[in-house]
Amino acid sequence: MADRFQMKGLLYLERGQFDQAVQSFNAAIAATPADQHDFLTRVQMVWSLLIEHRRLNDAFNCLMDVSPRVTRLDFDEFQRLLRATFNESQKANQRRAEHIA
């Protein structure tokens, strides 16, 4: 089932239907057991997509939604995603402040 959602997300993405793609990728994450090897890979994919589209709040919320499911083995990598989200948010805030000034 998770692979099906993942494929649907890729099709939506190819068609330029970003929001539907993100919904499908999130459904794939929800359908993937946290201890499965591709769980965090799926999280990283949707997170990267959201970061790339400058949807920092959505990227952060995605991480917060899956945080209770992250296994101890994936925790270090998960923390790196959180730090990267924070850093991107800081950069965006700095750019806004420089633009205003």
C-alpha atoms as a PDB file:
ATOM      1  CA  MET A   1       0.000   0.000   0.000  1.00  0.00           C
ATOM      2  CA  ALA A   2       2.801   2.441   0.860  1.00  0.00           C
ATOM      3  CA  ASP A   3       4.460   1.864  -2.521  1.00  0.00           C
ATOM      4  CA  ARG A   4       1.177   2.623  -4.231  1.00  0.00           C
ATOM      5  CA  PHE A   5       0.901   5.989  -2.456  1.00  0.00           C
ATOM      6  CA  GLN A   6       4.538   6.697  -3.270  1.00  0.00           C
ATOM      7  CA  MET A   7       3.946   6.048  -6.979  1.00  0.00           C
ATOM      8  CA  LYS A   8       0.814   8.204  -6.975  1.00  0.00           C
ATOM      9  CA  GLY A   9       2.853  10.994  -5.399  1.00  0.00           C
ATOM     10  CA  LEU A  10       5.477  10.734  -8.118  1.00  0.00           C
ATOM     11  CA  LEU A  11       2.781  10.897 -10.794  1.00  0.00           C
ATOM     12  CA  TYR A  12       1.216  13.959  -9.186  1.00  0.00           C
ATOM     13  CA  LEU A  13       4.634  15.566  -8.940  1.00  0.00           C
ATOM     14  CA  GLU A  14       5.311  14.892 -12.621  1.00  0.00           C
ATOM     15  CA  ARG A  15       1.986  16.551 -13.466  1.00  0.00           C
ATOM     16  CA  GLY A  16       2.865  19.597 -11.384  1.00  0.00           C
ATOM     17  CA  GLN A  17       0.209  18.833  -8.776  1.00  0.00           C
ATOM     18  CA  PHE A  18       2.375  19.623  -5.788  1.00  0.00           C
ATOM     19  CA  ASP A  19      -0.209  19.524  -2.987  1.00  0.00           C
ATOM     20  CA  GLN A  20      -1.627  16.191  -4.153  1.00  0.00           C
ATOM     21  CA  ALA A  21       1.906  14.809  -4.406  1.00  0.00           C
ATOM     22  CA  VAL A  22       2.671  15.828  -0.825  1.00  0.00           C
ATOM     23  CA  GLN A  23      -0.595  14.254   0.361  1.00  0.00           C
ATOM     24  CA  SER A  24       0.276  10.982  -1.368  1.00  0.00           C
ATOM     25  CA  PHE A  25       3.813  10.983   0.006  1.00  0.00           C
ATOM     26  CA  ASN A  26       2.452  11.606   3.506  1.00  0.00           C
ATOM     27  CA  ALA A  27       0.045   8.704   3.034  1.00  0.00           C
ATOM     28  CA  ALA A  28       3.024   6.548   2.031  1.00  0.00           C
ATOM     29  CA  ILE A  29       4.804   7.551   5.225  1.00  0.00           C
ATOM     30  CA  ALA A  30       1.719   6.737   7.292  1.00  0.00           C
ATOM     31  CA  ALA A  31       1.480   3.314   5.655  1.00  0.00           C
ATOM     32  CA  THR A  32       5.157   2.480   6.248  1.00  0.00           C
ATOM     33  CA  PRO A  33       6.124   0.851   9.547  1.00  0.00           C
ATOM     34  CA  ALA A  34       8.677   2.992  11.390  1.00  0.00           C
ATOM     35  CA  ASP A  35      11.134   0.109  11.682  1.00  0.00           C
ATOM     36  CA  GLN A  36      11.118  -0.539   7.933  1.00  0.00           C
ATOM     37  CA  HIS A  37      14.313   0.505   6.159  1.00  0.00           C
ATOM     38  CA  ASP A  38      12.579   3.004   3.878  1.00  0.00           C
ATOM     39  CA  PHE A  39      10.540   4.840   6.534  1.00  0.00           C
ATOM     40  CA  LEU A  40      13.031   7.640   7.098  1.00  0.00           C
ATOM     41  CA  THR A  41      13.888   7.695   3.387  1.00  0.00           C
ATOM     42  CA  ARG A  42      10.243   8.522   2.661  1.00  0.00           C
ATOM     43  CA  VAL A  43      10.256  11.188   5.347  1.00  0.00           C
ATOM     44  CA  GLN A  44      13.442  12.670   3.871  1.00  0.00           C
ATOM     45  CA  MET A  45      11.924  12.733   0.403  1.00  0.00           C
ATOM     46  CA  VAL A  46       8.806  14.683   1.334  1.00  0.00           C
ATOM     47  CA  TRP A  47      10.845  16.912   3.651  1.00  0.00           C
ATOM     48  CA  SER A  48      13.283  17.701   0.806  1.00  0.00           C
ATOM     49  CA  LEU A  49      10.428  18.482  -1.529  1.00  0.00           C
ATOM     50  CA  LEU A  50       8.880  20.866   0.982  1.00  0.00           C
ATOM     51  CA  ILE A  51      12.225  22.559   1.689  1.00  0.00           C
ATOM     52  CA  GLU A  52      12.892  22.904  -2.040  1.00  0.00           C
ATOM     53  CA  HIS A  53       9.536  24.656  -2.461  1.00  0.00           C
ATOM     54  CA  ARG A  54      10.290  26.936   0.523  1.00  0.00           C
ATOM     55  CA  ARG A  55       7.421  25.456   2.547  1.00  0.00           C
ATOM     56  CA  LEU A  56       9.399  25.505   5.771  1.00  0.00           C
ATOM     57  CA  ASN A  57       6.428  25.354   8.132  1.00  0.00           C
ATOM     58  CA  ASP A  58       5.073  22.331   6.266  1.00  0.00           C
ATOM     59  CA  ALA A  59       8.510  20.674   6.404  1.00  0.00           C
ATOM     60  CA  PHE A  60       8.681  21.270  10.148  1.00  0.00           C
ATOM     61  CA  ASN A  61       5.120  20.003  10.657  1.00  0.00           C
ATOM     62  CA  CYS A  62       5.918  16.886   8.637  1.00  0.00           C
ATOM     63  CA  LEU A  63       8.803  16.141  10.974  1.00  0.00           C
ATOM     64  CA  MET A  64       6.713  16.821  14.063  1.00  0.00           C
ATOM     65  CA  ASP A  65       3.967  14.511  12.786  1.00  0.00           C
ATOM     66  CA  VAL A  66       6.360  11.576  12.398  1.00  0.00           C
ATOM     67  CA  SER A  67       8.551  12.308  15.430  1.00  0.00           C
ATOM     68  CA  PRO A  68       6.727   9.895  17.779  1.00  0.00           C
ATOM     69  CA  ARG A  69       7.377   7.089  15.298  1.00  0.00           C
ATOM     70  CA  VAL A  70      11.112   7.639  14.735  1.00  0.00           C
ATOM     71  CA  THR A  71      13.138   4.707  15.990  1.00  0.00           C
ATOM     72  CA  ARG A  72      16.250   5.050  18.080  1.00  0.00           C
ATOM     73  CA  LEU A  73      18.335   3.900  15.098  1.00  0.00           C
ATOM     74  CA  ASP A  74      17.013   6.780  12.956  1.00  0.00           C
ATOM     75  CA  PHE A  75      17.057   9.421  15.666  1.00  0.00           C
ATOM     76  CA  ASP A  76      20.413  11.025  14.730  1.00  0.00           C
ATOM     77  CA  GLU A  77      19.385  11.456  11.110  1.00  0.00           C
ATOM     78  CA  PHE A  78      15.999  12.761  12.205  1.00  0.00           C
ATOM     79  CA  GLN A  79      17.722  15.366  14.400  1.00  0.00           C
ATOM     80  CA  ARG A  80      19.782  16.470  11.382  1.00  0.00           C
ATOM     81  CA  LEU A  81      16.547  17.113   9.483  1.00  0.00           C
ATOM     82  CA  LEU A  82      15.204  19.179  12.373  1.00  0.00           C
ATOM     83  CA  ARG A  83      18.420  21.216  12.556  1.00  0.00           C
ATOM     84  CA  ALA A  84      18.419  21.759   8.799  1.00  0.00           C
ATOM     85  CA  THR A  85      14.810  22.945   8.945  1.00  0.00           C
ATOM     86  CA  PHE A  86      15.671  25.372  11.720  1.00  0.00           C
ATOM     87  CA  ASN A  87      18.705  26.646   9.796  1.00  0.00           C
ATOM     88  CA  GLU A  88      16.659  27.171   6.633  1.00  0.00           C
ATOM     89  CA  SER A  89      14.057  29.036   8.651  1.00  0.00           C
ATOM     90  CA  GLN A  90      16.754  31.270  10.151  1.00  0.00           C
ATOM     91  CA  LYS A  91      18.148  32.019   6.681  1.00  0.00           C
ATOM     92  CA  ALA A  92      14.675  32.874   5.372  1.00  0.00           C
ATOM     93  CA  ASN A  93      14.068  35.206   8.299  1.00  0.00           C
ATOM     94  CA  GLN A  94      17.417  36.869   7.740  1.00  0.00           C
ATOM     95  CA  ARG A  95      16.682  37.386   4.034  1.00  0.00           C
ATOM     96  CA  ARG A  96      13.310  38.933   4.910  1.00  0.00           C
ATOM     97  CA  ALA A  97      14.935  41.263   7.421  1.00  0.00           C
ATOM     98  CA  GLU A  98      17.592  42.331   4.899  1.00  0.00           C
ATOM     99  CA  HIS A  99      14.940  42.913   2.259  1.00  0.00           C
ATOM    100  CA  ILE A 100      12.919  45.126   4.594  1.00  0.00           C
ATOM    101  CA  ALA A 101      15.957  47.156   5.686  1.00  0.00           C
END
